[in-house]
Amino acid sequence: MFAENTFERGLQLFYSLSDRDLGKLSFSKYKSLEDKLINSKRGADRYSKLIILKWSMETASGHKDLKINSGVYDISEYIIYDFLISAFKIYNNIAAEKLSNKESRTYDMLKDFLGNIDIDRILESIKKNSPEDHKVVNVFYYMYKALSDIDRPESYFNFKNNVLENDHLLDESERKNLFACLWTSLSYNNAVKNKPFEFNELMKLQHKKNLLADEAHTISIRKYSLGIRLAAMVKDFDFLGVFINSYLNKLKPSARENMMLYRNAYNYFAKGEFGKALETINKINFDIIAFKYEMKNLQIMLFYELGETESLIYALDT
């Protein structure tokens, strides 16, 4: 892992060169690391890395070389950007915790803090200083607003539009994270109409932007089943076909047979062929608790559509 971490290796080399009083070499290494970070897409740790690097130069130079400009102003700016983005992300994580019915505190200090500072004024200062960094911080601010203002559909759609406008500034990992945050904010919003259609739209956008598969070019069972379920529920047969063909071979081989049956079951369900769907679902044998829950959900819907009241009540009891 250390061998693959080019920033950490470069930073340690910079330290070693500085300790040996090899000024020109250490400054060259510093500039190389700085240029790479400055020109990179914004990632989860870009600003924190710049803070560490700038502090390292401040400490190493000790202002001995007057040709090296002080980086303390840059450090102060990066600290503000990094803090705001981190605070907005944690706000999303707290919301996701509450959504999953995990225990939550009665007093939320972060919510209290963010609600009592003039964030808009801070963002105006960032915009004057660096329009590019303002765009990045603003994406996460819209995320915060979407989660703190859940009674207006505009708060969710403003966040969504801001992500779509500026995701080219961010690296792949951060883009994936932001789409996960869009799912959270949509789940929380009380005013967005036709949520199943909007969830399906998010899945289609992630597919279009190649954000569904992981680094190993595989897809999780959860994402695959979710994509099928959403497309089937809104009868988006075109995307259902595209999704199935695009990701079936990206599943673990051990999961493919059951997921093909799962796909067929939901396809029958979407077409109104409830008997065939029920027959297909009974063939699935997948020993994963969360997946069994999904199967039971579909089974209950099928019993309802088929008017099999006794079976429906029994399924609900189980």
Protein backbone atom coordinates (compact mmCIF):
# COMPACT_ATOMS: atom_id res chain seq x y z
CA MET A 1 0.00 0.00 0.00
CA PHE A 2 2.85 2.36 0.84
CA ALA A 3 4.48 1.62 -2.53
CA GLU A 4 1.30 2.68 -4.33
CA ASN A 5 0.86 5.85 -2.26
CA THR A 6 2.87 8.27 -4.38
CA PHE A 7 2.00 11.30 -2.24
CA GLU A 8 3.13 9.69 1.05
CA ARG A 9 6.36 8.39 -0.55
CA GLY A 10 7.04 11.81 -2.06
CA LEU A 11 6.37 13.52 1.28
CA GLN A 12 8.77 11.22 3.14
CA LEU A 13 11.44 11.87 0.47
CA PHE A 14 10.89 15.61 0.89
CA TYR A 15 11.38 15.25 4.68
CA SER A 16 14.58 13.26 4.20
CA LEU A 17 16.04 15.74 1.69
CA SER A 18 15.19 18.64 4.01
CA ASP A 19 16.79 16.91 7.01
CA ARG A 20 20.00 16.51 4.99
CA ASP A 21 19.93 20.23 4.10
CA LEU A 22 19.59 19.42 0.39
CA GLY A 23 17.63 22.59 -0.30
CA LYS A 24 17.38 22.54 -4.07
CA LEU A 25 16.46 18.86 -4.23
CA SER A 26 13.89 19.13 -1.43
CA PHE A 27 12.28 22.22 -3.01
CA SER A 28 12.14 20.44 -6.37
CA LYS A 29 10.34 17.50 -4.74
CA TYR A 30 8.00 19.90 -2.95
CA LYS A 31 7.08 21.66 -6.20
CA SER A 32 6.49 18.33 -7.93
CA LEU A 33 4.07 17.21 -5.21
CA GLU A 34 2.36 20.60 -5.05
CA ASP A 35 1.85 20.85 -8.82
CA LYS A 36 0.41 17.35 -8.95
CA LEU A 37 -2.10 18.15 -6.18
CA ILE A 38 -3.01 21.60 -7.53
CA ASN A 39 -3.72 20.18 -11.00
CA SER A 40 -5.53 17.05 -9.82
CA LYS A 41 -9.28 16.62 -9.62
CA ARG A 42 -10.76 17.26 -6.21
CA GLY A 43 -10.81 14.14 -4.07
CA ALA A 44 -11.70 13.34 -0.49
CA ASP A 45 -8.22 14.17 0.81
CA ARG A 46 -6.88 16.71 -1.70
CA TYR A 47 -7.14 19.73 0.62
CA SER A 48 -5.85 17.84 3.66
CA LYS A 49 -2.82 16.72 1.62
CA LEU A 50 -2.14 20.30 0.55
CA ILE A 51 -2.34 21.40 4.20
CA ILE A 52 0.19 18.73 5.24
CA LEU A 53 2.50 19.59 2.34
CA LYS A 54 2.39 23.35 2.96
CA TRP A 55 2.98 22.89 6.69
CA SER A 56 5.92 20.63 5.90
CA MET A 57 7.50 23.32 3.73
CA GLU A 58 6.90 25.96 6.41
CA THR A 59 8.60 23.77 9.01
CA ALA A 60 11.46 22.68 6.77
CA SER A 61 12.32 26.11 5.37
CA GLY A 62 11.96 28.00 8.63
CA HIS A 63 11.89 31.10 6.41
CA LYS A 64 15.63 30.67 5.85
CA ASP A 65 15.17 31.07 2.11
CA LEU A 66 13.42 34.40 1.49
CA LYS A 67 12.78 33.38 -2.13
CA ILE A 68 10.24 30.83 -0.88
CA ASN A 69 6.93 32.57 -0.30
CA SER A 70 5.16 31.78 2.96
CA GLY A 71 2.32 29.30 2.57
CA VAL A 72 0.40 30.21 5.74
CA TYR A 73 -2.33 32.02 3.81
CA ASP A 74 -2.78 29.03 1.52
CA ILE A 75 -2.90 26.74 4.56
CA SER A 76 -5.62 28.84 6.21
CA GLU A 77 -7.72 28.70 3.03
CA TYR A 78 -7.31 24.95 2.55
CA ILE A 79 -8.22 24.35 6.20
CA ILE A 80 -11.50 26.23 5.68
CA TYR A 81 -12.33 24.34 2.47
CA ASP A 82 -11.46 20.99 4.05
CA PHE A 83 -13.40 21.71 7.24
CA LEU A 84 -16.59 22.79 5.46
CA ILE A 85 -16.59 19.82 3.07
CA SER A 86 -15.89 17.40 5.94
CA ALA A 87 -18.66 18.95 8.07
CA PHE A 88 -21.20 18.68 5.24
CA LYS A 89 -20.18 15.05 4.59
CA ILE A 90 -20.55 14.12 8.25
CA TYR A 91 -23.97 15.81 8.25
CA ASN A 92 -24.94 13.43 5.42
CA ASN A 93 -23.52 10.45 7.33
CA ILE A 94 -25.57 11.32 10.41
CA ALA A 95 -28.68 11.54 8.22
CA ALA A 96 -27.89 8.13 6.71
CA GLU A 97 -27.46 6.66 10.22
CA LYS A 98 -30.90 7.94 11.21
CA LEU A 99 -32.36 6.60 7.97
CA SER A 100 -31.10 3.10 8.77
CA ASN A 101 -32.87 3.29 12.17
CA LYS A 102 -29.64 3.21 14.13
CA GLU A 103 -29.55 4.87 17.53
CA SER A 104 -29.17 8.65 17.29
CA ARG A 105 -28.42 11.32 19.89
CA THR A 106 -31.07 13.76 21.04
CA TYR A 107 -28.59 16.65 20.67
CA ASP A 108 -26.79 17.09 17.37
CA MET A 109 -23.90 19.51 17.91
CA LEU A 110 -22.96 19.63 14.21
CA LYS A 111 -26.50 20.59 13.22
CA ASP A 112 -26.50 23.30 15.89
CA PHE A 113 -23.11 24.60 14.75
CA LEU A 114 -23.92 24.72 11.03
CA GLY A 115 -27.26 26.36 11.77
CA ASN A 116 -25.58 29.19 13.69
CA ILE A 117 -22.85 30.28 11.27
CA ASP A 118 -23.27 32.45 8.17
CA ILE A 119 -22.27 29.82 5.59
CA ASP A 120 -23.41 31.94 2.63
CA ARG A 121 -21.08 34.75 3.68
CA ILE A 122 -18.16 32.31 4.03
CA LEU A 123 -18.92 30.91 0.56
CA GLU A 124 -18.88 34.43 -0.91
CA SER A 125 -15.38 34.89 0.51
CA ILE A 126 -14.30 31.58 -1.01
CA LYS A 127 -15.75 32.63 -4.38
CA LYS A 128 -13.72 35.88 -4.36
CA ASN A 129 -10.58 33.97 -3.45
CA SER A 130 -10.96 30.92 -5.74
CA PRO A 131 -14.00 30.44 -8.05
CA GLU A 132 -12.94 26.85 -8.79
CA ASP A 133 -12.72 25.85 -5.11
CA HIS A 134 -16.00 27.66 -4.50
CA LYS A 135 -17.72 25.38 -7.02
CA VAL A 136 -16.41 22.30 -5.21
CA VAL A 137 -17.34 23.46 -1.69
CA ASN A 138 -20.71 24.65 -3.01
CA VAL A 139 -21.62 21.13 -4.23
CA PHE A 140 -21.33 19.85 -0.67
CA TYR A 141 -23.15 22.90 0.70
CA TYR A 142 -26.12 22.09 -1.56
CA MET A 143 -25.96 18.55 -0.14
CA TYR A 144 -26.25 19.99 3.38
CA LYS A 145 -29.15 22.23 2.32
CA ALA A 146 -30.95 19.29 0.70
CA LEU A 147 -30.80 17.37 3.98
CA SER A 148 -31.66 20.31 6.24
CA ASP A 149 -34.60 21.51 4.11
CA ILE A 150 -36.61 18.35 3.42
CA ASP A 151 -40.03 19.92 2.86
CA ARG A 152 -39.28 21.50 -0.51
CA PRO A 153 -38.52 19.51 -3.67
CA GLU A 154 -36.24 22.34 -4.88
CA SER A 155 -33.67 21.58 -2.17
CA TYR A 156 -33.13 18.06 -3.55
CA PHE A 157 -33.16 19.09 -7.23
CA ASN A 158 -30.79 22.02 -6.61
CA PHE A 159 -28.34 19.56 -5.09
CA LYS A 160 -28.79 17.12 -7.96
CA ASN A 161 -28.31 19.82 -10.62
CA ASN A 162 -25.23 21.14 -8.84
CA VAL A 163 -23.68 17.67 -8.79
CA LEU A 164 -24.36 17.20 -12.51
CA GLU A 165 -22.90 20.61 -13.36
CA ASN A 166 -19.70 20.23 -11.37
CA ASP A 167 -18.89 16.53 -11.04
CA HIS A 168 -16.20 16.91 -13.74
CA LEU A 169 -14.14 18.76 -11.12
CA LEU A 170 -14.12 15.75 -8.80
CA ASP A 171 -12.38 12.40 -8.92
CA GLU A 172 -14.30 9.16 -9.46
CA SER A 173 -14.42 8.21 -5.78
CA GLU A 174 -15.90 11.57 -4.80
CA ARG A 175 -18.45 11.40 -7.62
CA LYS A 176 -19.62 7.99 -6.41
CA ASN A 177 -19.91 9.35 -2.87
CA LEU A 178 -22.00 12.29 -4.04
CA PHE A 179 -24.46 10.01 -5.83
CA ALA A 180 -24.79 8.02 -2.60
CA CYS A 181 -25.56 11.33 -0.87
CA LEU A 182 -28.20 12.09 -3.53
CA TRP A 183 -29.89 8.80 -2.59
CA THR A 184 -29.90 9.84 1.07
CA SER A 185 -31.30 13.32 0.39
CA LEU A 186 -34.00 11.92 -1.92
CA SER A 187 -34.98 9.38 0.73
CA TYR A 188 -35.32 12.17 3.31
CA ASN A 189 -37.20 14.67 1.14
CA ASN A 190 -40.91 14.80 1.94
CA ALA A 191 -41.95 16.82 -1.10
CA VAL A 192 -40.46 15.09 -4.17
CA LYS A 193 -43.22 13.43 -6.21
CA ASN A 194 -42.90 10.00 -7.86
CA LYS A 195 -39.81 8.99 -5.90
CA PRO A 196 -39.50 5.54 -7.57
CA PHE A 197 -39.07 7.29 -10.94
CA GLU A 198 -36.45 9.65 -9.51
CA PHE A 199 -34.53 6.79 -7.86
CA ASN A 200 -34.53 5.02 -11.22
CA GLU A 201 -33.29 8.24 -12.84
CA LEU A 202 -30.35 8.34 -10.39
CA MET A 203 -29.49 4.76 -11.29
CA LYS A 204 -29.54 5.64 -15.00
CA LEU A 205 -27.26 8.64 -14.42
CA GLN A 206 -24.79 6.49 -12.49
CA HIS A 207 -24.82 3.98 -15.36
CA LYS A 208 -24.28 6.74 -17.94
CA LYS A 209 -21.32 8.11 -15.95
CA ASN A 210 -19.81 4.62 -15.37
CA LEU A 211 -20.11 4.94 -11.59
CA LEU A 212 -21.89 1.68 -10.72
CA ALA A 213 -19.00 -0.79 -10.98
CA ASP A 214 -16.18 -0.75 -8.43
CA GLU A 215 -12.41 -0.48 -9.07
CA ALA A 216 -12.24 -4.20 -9.92
CA HIS A 217 -14.98 -3.66 -12.56
CA THR A 218 -17.44 -5.76 -10.55
CA ILE A 219 -20.85 -4.83 -9.15
CA SER A 220 -22.31 -5.77 -5.79
CA ILE A 221 -25.39 -7.96 -5.47
CA ARG A 222 -27.11 -5.08 -3.68
CA LYS A 223 -26.58 -2.60 -6.55
CA TYR A 224 -27.52 -5.15 -9.20
CA SER A 225 -30.75 -6.16 -7.46
CA LEU A 226 -31.58 -2.50 -6.78
CA GLY A 227 -31.14 -1.52 -10.43
CA ILE A 228 -33.43 -4.35 -11.57
CA ARG A 229 -36.03 -3.63 -8.90
CA LEU A 230 -36.25 0.11 -9.62
CA ALA A 231 -36.47 -0.27 -13.40
CA ALA A 232 -39.15 -2.97 -13.04
CA MET A 233 -41.21 -0.98 -10.52
CA VAL A 234 -41.50 1.99 -12.93
CA LYS A 235 -41.75 -0.28 -16.00
CA ASP A 236 -38.66 1.17 -17.63
CA PHE A 237 -38.13 -1.90 -19.83
CA ASP A 238 -35.51 -0.23 -22.05
CA PHE A 239 -33.19 0.54 -19.14
CA LEU A 240 -33.97 -2.81 -17.52
CA GLY A 241 -32.59 -4.55 -20.62
CA VAL A 242 -29.54 -2.29 -20.79
CA PHE A 243 -28.83 -2.73 -17.09
CA ILE A 244 -29.12 -6.53 -17.18
CA ASN A 245 -26.85 -6.85 -20.23
CA SER A 246 -24.29 -4.40 -18.85
CA TYR A 247 -23.81 -5.82 -15.37
CA LEU A 248 -24.73 -9.52 -15.21
CA ASN A 249 -21.16 -10.58 -16.06
CA LYS A 250 -19.77 -8.13 -13.50
CA LEU A 251 -21.37 -10.10 -10.65
CA LYS A 252 -19.49 -12.76 -8.73
CA PRO A 253 -19.90 -16.03 -10.67
CA SER A 254 -21.49 -17.69 -7.63
CA ALA A 255 -24.32 -15.11 -7.65
CA ARG A 256 -25.21 -15.09 -11.35
CA GLU A 257 -27.66 -18.00 -11.49
CA ASN A 258 -29.78 -16.65 -8.62
CA MET A 259 -29.61 -13.09 -9.97
CA MET A 260 -30.82 -14.27 -13.39
CA LEU A 261 -33.85 -15.80 -11.65
CA TYR A 262 -34.29 -12.57 -9.66
CA ARG A 263 -34.17 -10.58 -12.90
CA ASN A 264 -36.76 -12.86 -14.54
CA ALA A 265 -39.06 -12.65 -11.52
CA TYR A 266 -39.09 -8.86 -11.55
CA ASN A 267 -39.44 -8.79 -15.32
CA TYR A 268 -42.57 -10.96 -15.05
CA PHE A 269 -43.82 -8.76 -12.21
CA ALA A 270 -43.39 -5.58 -14.29
CA LYS A 271 -45.30 -7.17 -17.20
CA GLY A 272 -48.17 -8.26 -14.93
CA GLU A 273 -47.39 -11.97 -15.24
CA PHE A 274 -47.67 -12.51 -11.48
CA GLY A 275 -48.04 -16.30 -11.55
CA LYS A 276 -44.82 -16.72 -13.53
CA ALA A 277 -43.06 -14.27 -11.22
CA LEU A 278 -44.11 -16.25 -8.13
CA GLU A 279 -43.06 -19.53 -9.75
CA THR A 280 -39.65 -18.04 -10.58
CA ILE A 281 -39.03 -16.51 -7.16
CA ASN A 282 -39.59 -19.86 -5.47
CA LYS A 283 -36.60 -21.25 -7.42
CA ILE A 284 -34.19 -18.74 -5.89
CA ASN A 285 -31.92 -20.18 -3.22
CA PHE A 286 -29.69 -17.43 -1.89
CA ASP A 287 -28.38 -17.62 1.67
CA ILE A 288 -28.05 -13.87 2.27
CA ILE A 289 -30.33 -12.35 4.92
CA ALA A 290 -30.81 -8.97 3.21
CA PHE A 291 -31.58 -10.69 -0.09
CA LYS A 292 -34.14 -12.98 1.60
CA TYR A 293 -35.85 -9.84 2.86
CA GLU A 294 -36.07 -8.53 -0.72
CA MET A 295 -37.50 -11.85 -1.88
CA LYS A 296 -40.15 -11.75 0.83
CA ASN A 297 -41.05 -8.22 -0.23
CA LEU A 298 -41.65 -9.29 -3.83
CA GLN A 299 -43.51 -12.40 -2.68
CA ILE A 300 -45.90 -10.27 -0.60
CA MET A 301 -46.59 -7.96 -3.57
CA LEU A 302 -47.28 -10.98 -5.80
CA PHE A 303 -49.70 -12.57 -3.32
CA TYR A 304 -51.52 -9.25 -3.15
CA GLU A 305 -51.76 -8.93 -6.95
CA LEU A 306 -52.94 -12.54 -7.23
CA GLY A 307 -55.57 -12.04 -4.51
CA GLU A 308 -54.16 -14.92 -2.43
CA THR A 309 -55.20 -13.48 0.95
CA GLU A 310 -54.22 -16.42 3.19
CA SER A 311 -50.77 -16.72 1.64
CA LEU A 312 -50.35 -12.95 1.92
CA ILE A 313 -51.17 -12.93 5.67
CA TYR A 314 -48.85 -15.88 6.27
CA ALA A 315 -46.01 -14.15 4.36
CA LEU A 316 -46.54 -10.96 6.35
CA ASP A 317 -46.40 -12.91 9.62
CA THR A 318 -43.12 -14.55 8.67
